[in-house]
PDB file of N, CA and C in Angstrom:
ATOM      1  N   MET A   1      -6.804  48.959 -11.014  1.00  0.00           N
ATOM      2  CA  MET A   1      -7.743  48.627 -11.674  1.00  0.00           C
ATOM      3  C   MET A   1      -7.936  47.217 -12.370  1.00  0.00           C
ATOM      4  N   THR A   2      -9.218  45.999 -11.878  1.00  0.00           N
ATOM      5  CA  THR A   2      -9.358  45.113 -13.055  1.00  0.00           C
ATOM      6  C   THR A   2      -9.575  45.515 -14.444  1.00  0.00           C
ATOM      7  N   THR A   3      -9.307  44.328 -14.654  1.00  0.00           N
ATOM      8  CA  THR A   3      -9.531  43.833 -16.378  1.00  0.00           C
ATOM      9  C   THR A   3     -10.622  44.360 -17.124  1.00  0.00           C
ATOM     10  N   PHE A   4     -11.961  43.593 -16.218  1.00  0.00           N
ATOM     11  CA  PHE A   4     -13.295  44.636 -16.034  1.00  0.00           C
ATOM     12  C   PHE A   4     -13.477  45.315 -16.122  1.00  0.00           C
ATOM     13  N   ASP A   5     -12.372  46.582 -15.831  1.00  0.00           N
ATOM     14  CA  ASP A   5     -12.401  48.319 -15.710  1.00  0.00           C
ATOM     15  C   ASP A   5     -11.703  48.850 -17.005  1.00  0.00           C
ATOM     16  N   LYS A   6     -10.873  48.116 -17.044  1.00  0.00           N
ATOM     17  CA  LYS A   6      -9.806  48.553 -18.436  1.00  0.00           C
ATOM     18  C   LYS A   6     -10.838  48.261 -20.077  1.00  0.00           C
ATOM     19  N   ARG A   7     -10.972  47.238 -19.590  1.00  0.00           N
ATOM     20  CA  ARG A   7     -12.111  47.118 -21.054  1.00  0.00           C
ATOM     21  C   ARG A   7     -13.463  47.362 -20.949  1.00  0.00           C
ATOM     22  N   GLU A   8     -14.111  47.781 -19.501  1.00  0.00           N
ATOM     23  CA  GLU A   8     -15.432  49.444 -19.588  1.00  0.00           C
ATOM     24  C   GLU A   8     -14.223  49.668 -20.026  1.00  0.00           C
ATOM     25  N   GLN A   9     -13.733  51.398 -19.799  1.00  0.00           N
ATOM     26  CA  GLN A   9     -13.301  52.160 -20.170  1.00  0.00           C
ATOM     27  C   GLN A   9     -13.155  52.081 -21.617  1.00  0.00           C
ATOM     28  N   GLY A  10     -12.650  50.856 -21.807  1.00  0.00           N
ATOM     29  CA  GLY A  10     -11.740  51.121 -23.139  1.00  0.00           C
ATOM     30  C   GLY A  10     -13.350  51.201 -24.022  1.00  0.00           C
ATOM     31  N   PHE A  11     -14.293  50.659 -23.892  1.00  0.00           N
ATOM     32  CA  PHE A  11     -15.649  50.431 -24.342  1.00  0.00           C
ATOM     33  C   PHE A  11     -16.090  52.140 -24.429  1.00  0.00           C
ATOM     34  N   GLU A  12     -16.137  52.369 -23.163  1.00  0.00           N
ATOM     35  CA  GLU A  12     -16.579  54.161 -23.399  1.00  0.00           C
ATOM     36  C   GLU A  12     -15.846  54.906 -24.266  1.00  0.00           C
ATOM     37  N   ALA A  13     -14.935  54.584 -24.270  1.00  0.00           N
ATOM     38  CA  ALA A  13     -13.859  55.967 -25.346  1.00  0.00           C
ATOM     39  C   ALA A  13     -14.415  55.215 -26.672  1.00  0.00           C
ATOM     40  N   LYS A  14     -14.479  54.373 -27.208  1.00  0.00           N
ATOM     41  CA  LYS A  14     -14.867  54.495 -28.142  1.00  0.00           C
ATOM     42  C   LYS A  14     -16.217  54.958 -28.613  1.00  0.00           C
ATOM     43  N   PHE A  15     -17.337  54.587 -27.045  1.00  0.00           N
ATOM     44  CA  PHE A  15     -18.430  55.552 -28.188  1.00  0.00           C
ATOM     45  C   PHE A  15     -18.172  56.339 -28.140  1.00  0.00           C
ATOM     46  N   ALA A  16     -17.811  57.084 -26.910  1.00  0.00           N
ATOM     47  CA  ALA A  16     -17.608  58.273 -27.483  1.00  0.00           C
ATOM     48  C   ALA A  16     -16.814  59.386 -27.819  1.00  0.00           C
ATOM     49  N   HIS A  17     -16.222  58.353 -28.633  1.00  0.00           N
ATOM     50  CA  HIS A  17     -14.949  59.035 -30.333  1.00  0.00           C
ATOM     51  C   HIS A  17     -16.176  58.763 -31.166  1.00  0.00           C
ATOM     52  N   ASP A  18     -16.527  57.917 -31.080  1.00  0.00           N
ATOM     53  CA  ASP A  18     -17.810  57.270 -32.543  1.00  0.00           C
ATOM     54  C   ASP A  18     -18.770  58.398 -32.607  1.00  0.00           C
ATOM     55  N   GLU A  19     -19.190  58.572 -31.375  1.00  0.00           N
ATOM     56  CA  GLU A  19     -20.543  59.914 -31.210  1.00  0.00           C
ATOM     57  C   GLU A  19     -19.717  60.975 -31.894  1.00  0.00           C
ATOM     58  N   GLU A  20     -19.050  61.434 -31.379  1.00  0.00           N
ATOM     59  CA  GLU A  20     -18.066  62.833 -32.013  1.00  0.00           C
ATOM     60  C   GLU A  20     -17.963  62.781 -33.003  1.00  0.00           C
ATOM     61  N   LEU A  21     -17.513  61.821 -33.841  1.00  0.00           N
ATOM     62  CA  LEU A  21     -17.236  61.106 -34.827  1.00  0.00           C
ATOM     63  C   LEU A  21     -18.315  61.979 -36.483  1.00  0.00           C
ATOM     64  N   MET A  22     -19.587  60.629 -35.488  1.00  0.00           N
ATOM     65  CA  MET A  22     -21.372  61.153 -36.116  1.00  0.00           C
ATOM     66  C   MET A  22     -21.637  62.798 -35.844  1.00  0.00           C
ATOM     67  N   PHE A  23     -21.212  63.070 -34.830  1.00  0.00           N
ATOM     68  CA  PHE A  23     -21.134  64.430 -34.446  1.00  0.00           C
ATOM     69  C   PHE A  23     -20.767  65.200 -36.016  1.00  0.00           C
ATOM     70  N   LYS A  24     -19.900  65.422 -36.272  1.00  0.00           N
ATOM     71  CA  LYS A  24     -18.675  65.858 -36.819  1.00  0.00           C
ATOM     72  C   LYS A  24     -19.245  65.700 -38.286  1.00  0.00           C
ATOM     73  N   VAL A  25     -19.231  63.743 -38.415  1.00  0.00           N
ATOM     74  CA  VAL A  25     -19.369  63.687 -40.454  1.00  0.00           C
ATOM     75  C   VAL A  25     -21.255  64.802 -40.748  1.00  0.00           C
ATOM     76  N   THR A  26     -21.662  64.711 -39.357  1.00  0.00           N
ATOM     77  CA  THR A  26     -23.797  64.813 -39.680  1.00  0.00           C
ATOM     78  C   THR A  26     -23.416  66.817 -39.805  1.00  0.00           C
ATOM     79  N   ALA A  27     -22.796  67.382 -38.868  1.00  0.00           N
ATOM     80  CA  ALA A  27     -22.319  69.385 -39.498  1.00  0.00           C
ATOM     81  C   ALA A  27     -21.629  68.955 -40.509  1.00  0.00           C
ATOM     82  N   ARG A  28     -20.557  68.368 -41.035  1.00  0.00           N
ATOM     83  CA  ARG A  28     -19.942  68.430 -42.251  1.00  0.00           C
ATOM     84  C   ARG A  28     -20.925  68.197 -43.242  1.00  0.00           C
ATOM     85  N   SER A  29     -21.244  66.475 -43.006  1.00  0.00           N
ATOM     86  CA  SER A  29     -22.893  66.634 -44.596  1.00  0.00           C
ATOM     87  C   SER A  29     -23.460  68.258 -44.660  1.00  0.00           C
ATOM     88  N   ASN A  30     -24.108  67.991 -43.655  1.00  0.00           N
ATOM     89  CA  ASN A  30     -25.403  69.286 -43.711  1.00  0.00           C
ATOM     90  C   ASN A  30     -24.656  70.332 -44.509  1.00  0.00           C
ATOM     91  N   LYS A  31     -22.901  71.138 -43.588  1.00  0.00           N
ATOM     92  CA  LYS A  31     -22.698  72.621 -44.540  1.00  0.00           C
ATOM     93  C   LYS A  31     -23.047  71.557 -46.112  1.00  0.00           C
ATOM     94  N   LEU A  32     -21.432  71.007 -45.992  1.00  0.00           N
ATOM     95  CA  LEU A  32     -22.319  70.658 -47.942  1.00  0.00           C
ATOM     96  C   LEU A  32     -22.987  70.333 -48.673  1.00  0.00           C
ATOM     97  N   LEU A  33     -24.662  69.855 -47.539  1.00  0.00           N
ATOM     98  CA  LEU A  33     -25.749  70.290 -48.354  1.00  0.00           C
ATOM     99  C   LEU A  33     -26.093  71.563 -48.646  1.00  0.00           C
ATOM    100  N   GLY A  34     -26.186  72.114 -47.351  1.00  0.00           N
ATOM    101  CA  GLY A  34     -26.489  73.463 -47.757  1.00  0.00           C
ATOM    102  C   GLY A  34     -26.246  74.332 -48.569  1.00  0.00           C
ATOM    103  N   LEU A  35     -24.323  74.031 -48.513  1.00  0.00           N
ATOM    104  CA  LEU A  35     -24.250  74.714 -49.567  1.00  0.00           C
ATOM    105  C   LEU A  35     -24.029  74.399 -50.973  1.00  0.00           C
ATOM    106  N   TRP A  36     -24.779  73.021 -51.490  1.00  0.00           N
ATOM    107  CA  TRP A  36     -24.639  72.494 -52.961  1.00  0.00           C
ATOM    108  C   TRP A  36     -26.274  73.437 -53.202  1.00  0.00           C
ATOM    109  N   ALA A  37     -27.219  73.786 -51.535  1.00  0.00           N
ATOM    110  CA  ALA A  37     -29.218  73.739 -51.565  1.00  0.00           C
ATOM    111  C   ALA A  37     -28.754  75.839 -52.265  1.00  0.00           C
ATOM    112  N   ALA A  38     -27.703  75.965 -51.488  1.00  0.00           N
ATOM    113  CA  ALA A  38     -27.408  77.656 -51.712  1.00  0.00           C
ATOM    114  C   ALA A  38     -27.518  77.668 -52.952  1.00  0.00           C
ATOM    115  N   SER A  39     -26.916  77.259 -53.833  1.00  0.00           N
ATOM    116  CA  SER A  39     -26.558  76.804 -55.249  1.00  0.00           C
ATOM    117  C   SER A  39     -27.493  76.764 -56.048  1.00  0.00           C
ATOM    118  N   GLN A  40     -28.037  76.147 -55.610  1.00  0.00           N
ATOM    119  CA  GLN A  40     -29.289  75.531 -56.510  1.00  0.00           C
ATOM    120  C   GLN A  40     -30.389  77.040 -56.757  1.00  0.00           C
ATOM    121  N   LEU A  41     -30.643  77.487 -55.082  1.00  0.00           N
ATOM    122  CA  LEU A  41     -31.541  78.807 -55.134  1.00  0.00           C
ATOM    123  C   LEU A  41     -30.974  79.954 -55.460  1.00  0.00           C
ATOM    124  N   GLY A  42     -29.358  79.253 -55.993  1.00  0.00           N
ATOM    125  CA  GLY A  42     -29.336  80.805 -56.434  1.00  0.00           C
ATOM    126  C   GLY A  42     -28.786  81.764 -55.657  1.00  0.00           C
ATOM    127  N   LEU A  43     -27.727  81.596 -54.568  1.00  0.00           N
ATOM    128  CA  LEU A  43     -27.522  81.906 -53.226  1.00  0.00           C
ATOM    129  C   LEU A  43     -25.491  81.856 -54.023  1.00  0.00           C
ATOM    130  N   SER A  44     -24.723  82.844 -53.657  1.00  0.00           N
ATOM    131  CA  SER A  44     -23.230  82.953 -53.800  1.00  0.00           C
ATOM    132  C   SER A  44     -23.196  83.709 -52.072  1.00  0.00           C
ATOM    133  N   GLY A  45     -22.045  83.267 -52.205  1.00  0.00           N
ATOM    134  CA  GLY A  45     -21.013  84.566 -50.917  1.00  0.00           C
ATOM    135  C   GLY A  45     -21.430  84.267 -49.708  1.00  0.00           C
ATOM    136  N   ASP A  46     -21.871  84.610 -49.114  1.00  0.00           N
ATOM    137  CA  ASP A  46     -22.174  85.342 -47.376  1.00  0.00           C
ATOM    138  C   ASP A  46     -23.530  84.200 -47.599  1.00  0.00           C
ATOM    139  N   ALA A  47     -24.350  84.672 -48.541  1.00  0.00           N
ATOM    140  CA  ALA A  47     -25.713  84.636 -48.440  1.00  0.00           C
ATOM    141  C   ALA A  47     -25.949  82.974 -48.675  1.00  0.00           C
ATOM    142  N   ALA A  48     -25.239  82.421 -49.643  1.00  0.00           N
ATOM    143  CA  ALA A  48     -24.532  80.389 -49.612  1.00  0.00           C
ATOM    144  C   ALA A  48     -24.082  80.697 -48.213  1.00  0.00           C
ATOM    145  N   ALA A  49     -23.392  80.824 -47.186  1.00  0.00           N
ATOM    146  CA  ALA A  49     -22.898  80.919 -46.751  1.00  0.00           C
ATOM    147  C   ALA A  49     -23.009  80.242 -45.085  1.00  0.00           C
ATOM    148  N   SER A  50     -24.179  81.482 -44.682  1.00  0.00           N
ATOM    149  CA  SER A  50     -24.990  81.549 -43.604  1.00  0.00           C
ATOM    150  C   SER A  50     -26.754  81.006 -44.508  1.00  0.00           C
ATOM    151  N   TYR A  51     -26.697  80.190 -45.244  1.00  0.00           N
ATOM    152  CA  TYR A  51     -27.403  78.847 -45.956  1.00  0.00           C
ATOM    153  C   TYR A  51     -27.237  77.714 -44.797  1.00  0.00           C
ATOM    154  N   ALA A  52     -26.162  77.427 -45.830  1.00  0.00           N
ATOM    155  CA  ALA A  52     -25.139  76.114 -45.399  1.00  0.00           C
ATOM    156  C   ALA A  52     -24.887  76.838 -43.485  1.00  0.00           C
ATOM    157  N   ALA A  53     -24.979  77.544 -42.957  1.00  0.00           N
ATOM    158  CA  ALA A  53     -24.084  77.281 -41.839  1.00  0.00           C
ATOM    159  C   ALA A  53     -25.625  77.583 -40.436  1.00  0.00           C
ATOM    160  N   ALA A  54     -26.597  77.987 -41.724  1.00  0.00           N
ATOM    161  CA  ALA A  54     -28.795  77.747 -40.963  1.00  0.00           C
ATOM    162  C   ALA A  54     -28.516  75.791 -40.560  1.00  0.00           C
ATOM    163  N   LEU A  55     -28.423  76.093 -41.412  1.00  0.00           N
ATOM    164  CA  LEU A  55     -28.457  74.468 -42.021  1.00  0.00           C
ATOM    165  C   LEU A  55     -28.077  73.640 -40.967  1.00  0.00           C
ATOM    166  N   VAL A  56     -26.696  74.281 -40.607  1.00  0.00           N
ATOM    167  CA  VAL A  56     -25.934  72.621 -39.260  1.00  0.00           C
ATOM    168  C   VAL A  56     -26.311  72.963 -37.981  1.00  0.00           C
ATOM    169  N   THR A  57     -26.994  74.704 -38.130  1.00  0.00           N
ATOM    170  CA  THR A  57     -26.553  74.950 -36.322  1.00  0.00           C
ATOM    171  C   THR A  57     -28.230  75.018 -35.244  1.00  0.00           C
ATOM    172  N   GLU A  58     -29.042  75.143 -36.903  1.00  0.00           N
ATOM    173  CA  GLU A  58     -31.064  75.247 -36.354  1.00  0.00           C
ATOM    174  C   GLU A  58     -31.020  73.446 -35.504  1.00  0.00           C
ATOM    175  N   HIS A  59     -31.253  73.660 -34.572  1.00  0.00           N
ATOM    176  CA  HIS A  59     -31.445  72.147 -33.814  1.00  0.00           C
ATOM    177  C   HIS A  59     -30.723  71.211 -33.923  1.00  0.00           C
ATOM    178  N   LEU A  60     -29.456  71.371 -33.639  1.00  0.00           N
ATOM    179  CA  LEU A  60     -28.360  71.263 -33.588  1.00  0.00           C
ATOM    180  C   LEU A  60     -28.644  69.904 -33.334  1.00  0.00           C
ATOM    181  N   GLU A  61     -28.663  69.592 -32.120  1.00  0.00           N
ATOM    182  CA  GLU A  61     -28.482  68.243 -31.229  1.00  0.00           C
ATOM    183  C   GLU A  61     -30.237  67.821 -31.266  1.00  0.00           C
ATOM    184  N   SER A  62     -30.906  68.386 -31.523  1.00  0.00           N
ATOM    185  CA  SER A  62     -32.306  67.984 -31.609  1.00  0.00           C
ATOM    186  C   SER A  62     -33.133  67.155 -33.300  1.00  0.00           C
ATOM    187  N   ARG A  63     -31.650  68.279 -34.684  1.00  0.00           N
ATOM    188  CA  ARG A  63     -32.782  67.524 -35.660  1.00  0.00           C
ATOM    189  C   ARG A  63     -31.812  66.258 -36.545  1.00  0.00           C
ATOM    190  N   THR A  64     -33.581  65.278 -37.111  1.00  0.00           N
ATOM    191  CA  THR A  64     -32.688  63.915 -37.640  1.00  0.00           C
ATOM    192  C   THR A  64     -32.776  64.479 -39.246  1.00  0.00           C
ATOM    193  N   ILE A  65     -31.966  63.212 -39.573  1.00  0.00           N
ATOM    194  CA  ILE A  65     -32.228  62.908 -41.354  1.00  0.00           C
ATOM    195  C   ILE A  65     -33.268  63.666 -41.783  1.00  0.00           C
ATOM    196  N   ASP A  66     -34.542  63.484 -41.253  1.00  0.00           N
ATOM    197  CA  ASP A  66     -35.774  64.496 -42.193  1.00  0.00           C
ATOM    198  C   ASP A  66     -36.374  65.039 -41.966  1.00  0.00           C
ATOM    199  N   GLU A  67     -35.452  65.722 -40.871  1.00  0.00           N
ATOM    200  CA  GLU A  67     -35.668  66.894 -40.861  1.00  0.00           C
ATOM    201  C   GLU A  67     -35.289  67.751 -41.607  1.00  0.00           C
ATOM    202  N   VAL A  68     -33.735  67.817 -42.163  1.00  0.00           N
ATOM    203  CA  VAL A  68     -33.327  68.011 -42.315  1.00  0.00           C
ATOM    204  C   VAL A  68     -33.348  67.930 -44.272  1.00  0.00           C
ATOM    205  N   LEU A  69     -33.853  66.623 -44.391  1.00  0.00           N
ATOM    206  CA  LEU A  69     -34.571  67.163 -45.895  1.00  0.00           C
ATOM    207  C   LEU A  69     -35.572  67.624 -46.615  1.00  0.00           C
ATOM    208  N   ASP A  70     -36.327  67.341 -45.544  1.00  0.00           N
ATOM    209  CA  ASP A  70     -37.906  68.116 -45.362  1.00  0.00           C
ATOM    210  C   ASP A  70     -37.725  69.274 -45.329  1.00  0.00           C
ATOM    211  N   GLN A  71     -36.950  69.723 -44.922  1.00  0.00           N
ATOM    212  CA  GLN A  71     -36.475  71.702 -44.879  1.00  0.00           C
ATOM    213  C   GLN A  71     -35.952  71.442 -46.396  1.00  0.00           C
ATOM    214  N   VAL A  72     -34.678  70.815 -46.498  1.00  0.00           N
ATOM    215  CA  VAL A  72     -33.713  71.675 -47.838  1.00  0.00           C
ATOM    216  C   VAL A  72     -35.055  71.408 -48.541  1.00  0.00           C
ATOM    217  N   SER A  73     -35.512  70.116 -49.107  1.00  0.00           N
ATOM    218  CA  SER A  73     -36.829  69.930 -49.853  1.00  0.00           C
ATOM    219  C   SER A  73     -37.926  70.121 -50.178  1.00  0.00           C
ATOM    220  N   GLY A  74     -38.342  71.313 -48.404  1.00  0.00           N
ATOM    221  CA  GLY A  74     -38.691  72.555 -49.107  1.00  0.00           C
ATOM    222  C   GLY A  74     -38.533  73.537 -49.899  1.00  0.00           C
ATOM    223  N   ASP A  75     -37.302  73.616 -49.607  1.00  0.00           N
ATOM    224  CA  ASP A  75     -36.731  74.971 -49.674  1.00  0.00           C
ATOM    225  C   ASP A  75     -35.681  75.131 -51.288  1.00  0.00           C
ATOM    226  N   LEU A  76     -36.510  74.164 -51.584  1.00  0.00           N
ATOM    227  CA  LEU A  76     -36.311  73.895 -53.635  1.00  0.00           C
ATOM    228  C   LEU A  76     -37.508  73.282 -53.882  1.00  0.00           C
ATOM    229  N   ARG A  77     -38.400  72.535 -53.454  1.00  0.00           N
ATOM    230  CA  ARG A  77     -39.532  72.295 -54.110  1.00  0.00           C
ATOM    231  C   ARG A  77     -40.224  73.853 -55.880  1.00  0.00           C
ATOM    232  N   GLY A  78     -39.876  74.597 -55.283  1.00  0.00           N
ATOM    233  CA  GLY A  78     -39.943  76.306 -56.665  1.00  0.00           C
ATOM    234  C   GLY A  78     -39.146  75.492 -56.965  1.00  0.00           C
ATOM    235  N   LYS A  79     -38.176  75.315 -57.352  1.00  0.00           N
ATOM    236  CA  LYS A  79     -36.691  75.047 -58.607  1.00  0.00           C
ATOM    237  C   LYS A  79     -36.842  73.751 -59.239  1.00  0.00           C
ATOM    238  N   GLY A  80     -37.709  72.659 -58.296  1.00  0.00           N
ATOM    239  CA  GLY A  80     -38.610  71.602 -59.094  1.00  0.00           C
ATOM    240  C   GLY A  80     -37.472  70.325 -59.130  1.00  0.00           C
ATOM    241  N   VAL A  81     -36.722  70.837 -57.952  1.00  0.00           N
ATOM    242  CA  VAL A  81     -36.272  69.854 -57.392  1.00  0.00           C
ATOM    243  C   VAL A  81     -36.520  68.812 -56.531  1.00  0.00           C
ATOM    244  N   ALA A  82     -36.291  67.014 -56.848  1.00  0.00           N
ATOM    245  CA  ALA A  82     -37.301  66.470 -55.799  1.00  0.00           C
ATOM    246  C   ALA A  82     -36.808  65.706 -54.803  1.00  0.00           C
ATOM    247  N   ARG A  83     -37.182  65.675 -53.974  1.00  0.00           N
ATOM    248  CA  ARG A  83     -37.127  64.650 -52.159  1.00  0.00           C
ATOM    249  C   ARG A  83     -35.727  63.659 -52.448  1.00  0.00           C
ATOM    250  N   GLU A  84     -36.800  62.564 -53.406  1.00  0.00           N
ATOM    251  CA  GLU A  84     -35.994  61.435 -54.004  1.00  0.00           C
ATOM    252  C   GLU A  84     -33.644  61.886 -53.948  1.00  0.00           C
ATOM    253  N   GLN A  85     -33.752  63.282 -54.959  1.00  0.00           N
ATOM    254  CA  GLN A  85     -32.746  63.807 -55.039  1.00  0.00           C
ATOM    255  C   GLN A  85     -31.574  64.817 -53.665  1.00  0.00           C
ATOM    256  N   VAL A  86     -32.698  65.018 -53.527  1.00  0.00           N
ATOM    257  CA  VAL A  86     -32.079  65.851 -52.118  1.00  0.00           C
ATOM    258  C   VAL A  86     -31.374  64.225 -51.360  1.00  0.00           C
ATOM    259  N   ALA A  87     -32.352  63.249 -50.936  1.00  0.00           N
ATOM    260  CA  ALA A  87     -32.098  62.713 -49.911  1.00  0.00           C
ATOM    261  C   ALA A  87     -30.607  62.042 -50.919  1.00  0.00           C
ATOM    262  N   GLN A  88     -30.396  61.958 -52.029  1.00  0.00           N
ATOM    263  CA  GLN A  88     -29.396  61.173 -52.799  1.00  0.00           C
ATOM    264  C   GLN A  88     -27.754  62.077 -53.393  1.00  0.00           C
ATOM    265  N   LYS A  89     -28.743  63.489 -52.764  1.00  0.00           N
ATOM    266  CA  LYS A  89     -27.419  64.865 -52.206  1.00  0.00           C
ATOM    267  C   LYS A  89     -26.654  64.625 -51.495  1.00  0.00           C
ATOM    268  N   LEU A  90     -27.911  64.147 -50.107  1.00  0.00           N
ATOM    269  CA  LEU A  90     -27.452  64.029 -48.676  1.00  0.00           C
ATOM    270  C   LEU A  90     -26.523  63.004 -48.343  1.00  0.00           C
ATOM    271  N   GLN A  91     -26.646  61.835 -49.496  1.00  0.00           N
ATOM    272  CA  GLN A  91     -26.081  60.151 -48.381  1.00  0.00           C
ATOM    273  C   GLN A  91     -24.675  60.559 -49.789  1.00  0.00           C
ATOM    274  N   GLU A  92     -24.857  61.487 -50.525  1.00  0.00           N
ATOM    275  CA  GLU A  92     -23.102  62.126 -51.526  1.00  0.00           C
ATOM    276  C   GLU A  92     -22.196  62.936 -50.596  1.00  0.00           C
ATOM    277  N   CYS A  93     -23.271  63.360 -49.514  1.00  0.00           N
ATOM    278  CA  CYS A  93     -22.713  64.584 -48.716  1.00  0.00           C
ATOM    279  C   CYS A  93     -22.223  63.654 -47.356  1.00  0.00           C
ATOM    280  N   LEU A  94     -23.107  62.936 -46.934  1.00  0.00           N
ATOM    281  CA  LEU A  94     -21.895  62.131 -46.037  1.00  0.00           C
ATOM    282  C   LEU A  94     -20.850  61.740 -46.149  1.00  0.00           C
ATOM    283  N   HIS A  95     -21.159  60.849 -47.131  1.00  0.00           N
ATOM    284  CA  HIS A  95     -20.010  60.099 -48.448  1.00  0.00           C
ATOM    285  C   HIS A  95     -18.704  61.120 -47.820  1.00  0.00           C
ATOM    286  N   GLN A  96     -19.065  62.358 -48.362  1.00  0.00           N
ATOM    287  CA  GLN A  96     -17.958  62.919 -48.640  1.00  0.00           C
ATOM    288  C   GLN A  96     -17.309  63.502 -47.838  1.00  0.00           C
ATOM    289  N   ALA A  97     -18.660  63.926 -46.467  1.00  0.00           N
ATOM    290  CA  ALA A  97     -17.678  64.202 -44.815  1.00  0.00           C
ATOM    291  C   ALA A  97     -17.410  63.462 -44.412  1.00  0.00           C
ATOM    292  N   MET A  98     -17.569  61.944 -44.188  1.00  0.00           N
ATOM    293  CA  MET A  98     -16.481  60.811 -43.782  1.00  0.00           C
ATOM    294  C   MET A  98     -14.782  60.803 -44.229  1.00  0.00           C
ATOM    295  N   GLN A  99     -15.462  61.109 -45.432  1.00  0.00           N
ATOM    296  CA  GLN A  99     -13.913  60.701 -46.969  1.00  0.00           C
ATOM    297  C   GLN A  99     -12.800  62.231 -46.253  1.00  0.00           C
ATOM    298  N   GLN A 100     -13.248  63.394 -46.571  1.00  0.00           N
ATOM    299  CA  GLN A 100     -13.139  64.549 -45.328  1.00  0.00           C
ATOM    300  C   GLN A 100     -12.401  64.575 -43.914  1.00  0.00           C
ATOM    301  N   LEU A 101     -12.720  64.369 -43.440  1.00  0.00           N
ATOM    302  CA  LEU A 101     -12.824  63.683 -41.491  1.00  0.00           C
ATOM    303  C   LEU A 101     -11.250  62.964 -41.833  1.00  0.00           C
ATOM    304  N   GLU A 102     -11.549  61.750 -42.408  1.00  0.00           N
ATOM    305  CA  GLU A 102     -10.398  60.641 -42.462  1.00  0.00           C
ATOM    306  C   GLU A 102      -9.309  61.073 -42.691  1.00  0.00           C
ATOM    307  N   ALA A 103      -9.500  62.212 -44.117  1.00  0.00           N
ATOM    308  CA  ALA A 103      -8.413  62.766 -44.352  1.00  0.00           C
ATOM    309  C   ALA A 103      -7.766  63.955 -43.592  1.00  0.00           C
ATOM    310  N   LYS A 104      -8.764  64.691 -42.789  1.00  0.00           N
ATOM    311  CA  LYS A 104      -8.082  65.551 -41.750  1.00  0.00           C
ATOM    312  C   LYS A 104      -6.852  64.998 -40.956  1.00  0.00           C
ATOM    313  N   LYS A 105      -7.766  63.372 -40.233  1.00  0.00           N
ATOM    314  CA  LYS A 105      -6.871  62.529 -39.308  1.00  0.00           C
ATOM    315  C   LYS A 105      -5.179  62.112 -39.858  1.00  0.00           C
ATOM    316  N   GLU A 106      -5.438  62.112 -41.014  1.00  0.00           N
ATOM    317  CA  GLU A 106      -3.877  61.935 -41.768  1.00  0.00           C
ATOM    318  C   GLU A 106      -2.567  62.193 -41.601  1.00  0.00           C
TER     319      GLU A 106
END
């Protein structure tokens, strides 16, 4: 195996690792956002867990951040929560999810 082949394998492994990490961060942050949104909607227990799980699993591979924001802000519109508040909470959830995953590695 040449140095070029080893280098290529290294880049491929890093890409796969980064994609897996981004998938985990996104799923975890969507769950955290879903739990927060559920509490804003007055849901608790199994209903809150179901809402959060649905946010994670629906259109798992093709869902964008904007679609998640649209759904959650639409659900919370009746509670007087603006899209900007949901976007800010999503950023907090992304940060929290990254911290949780990094702590899990250690």
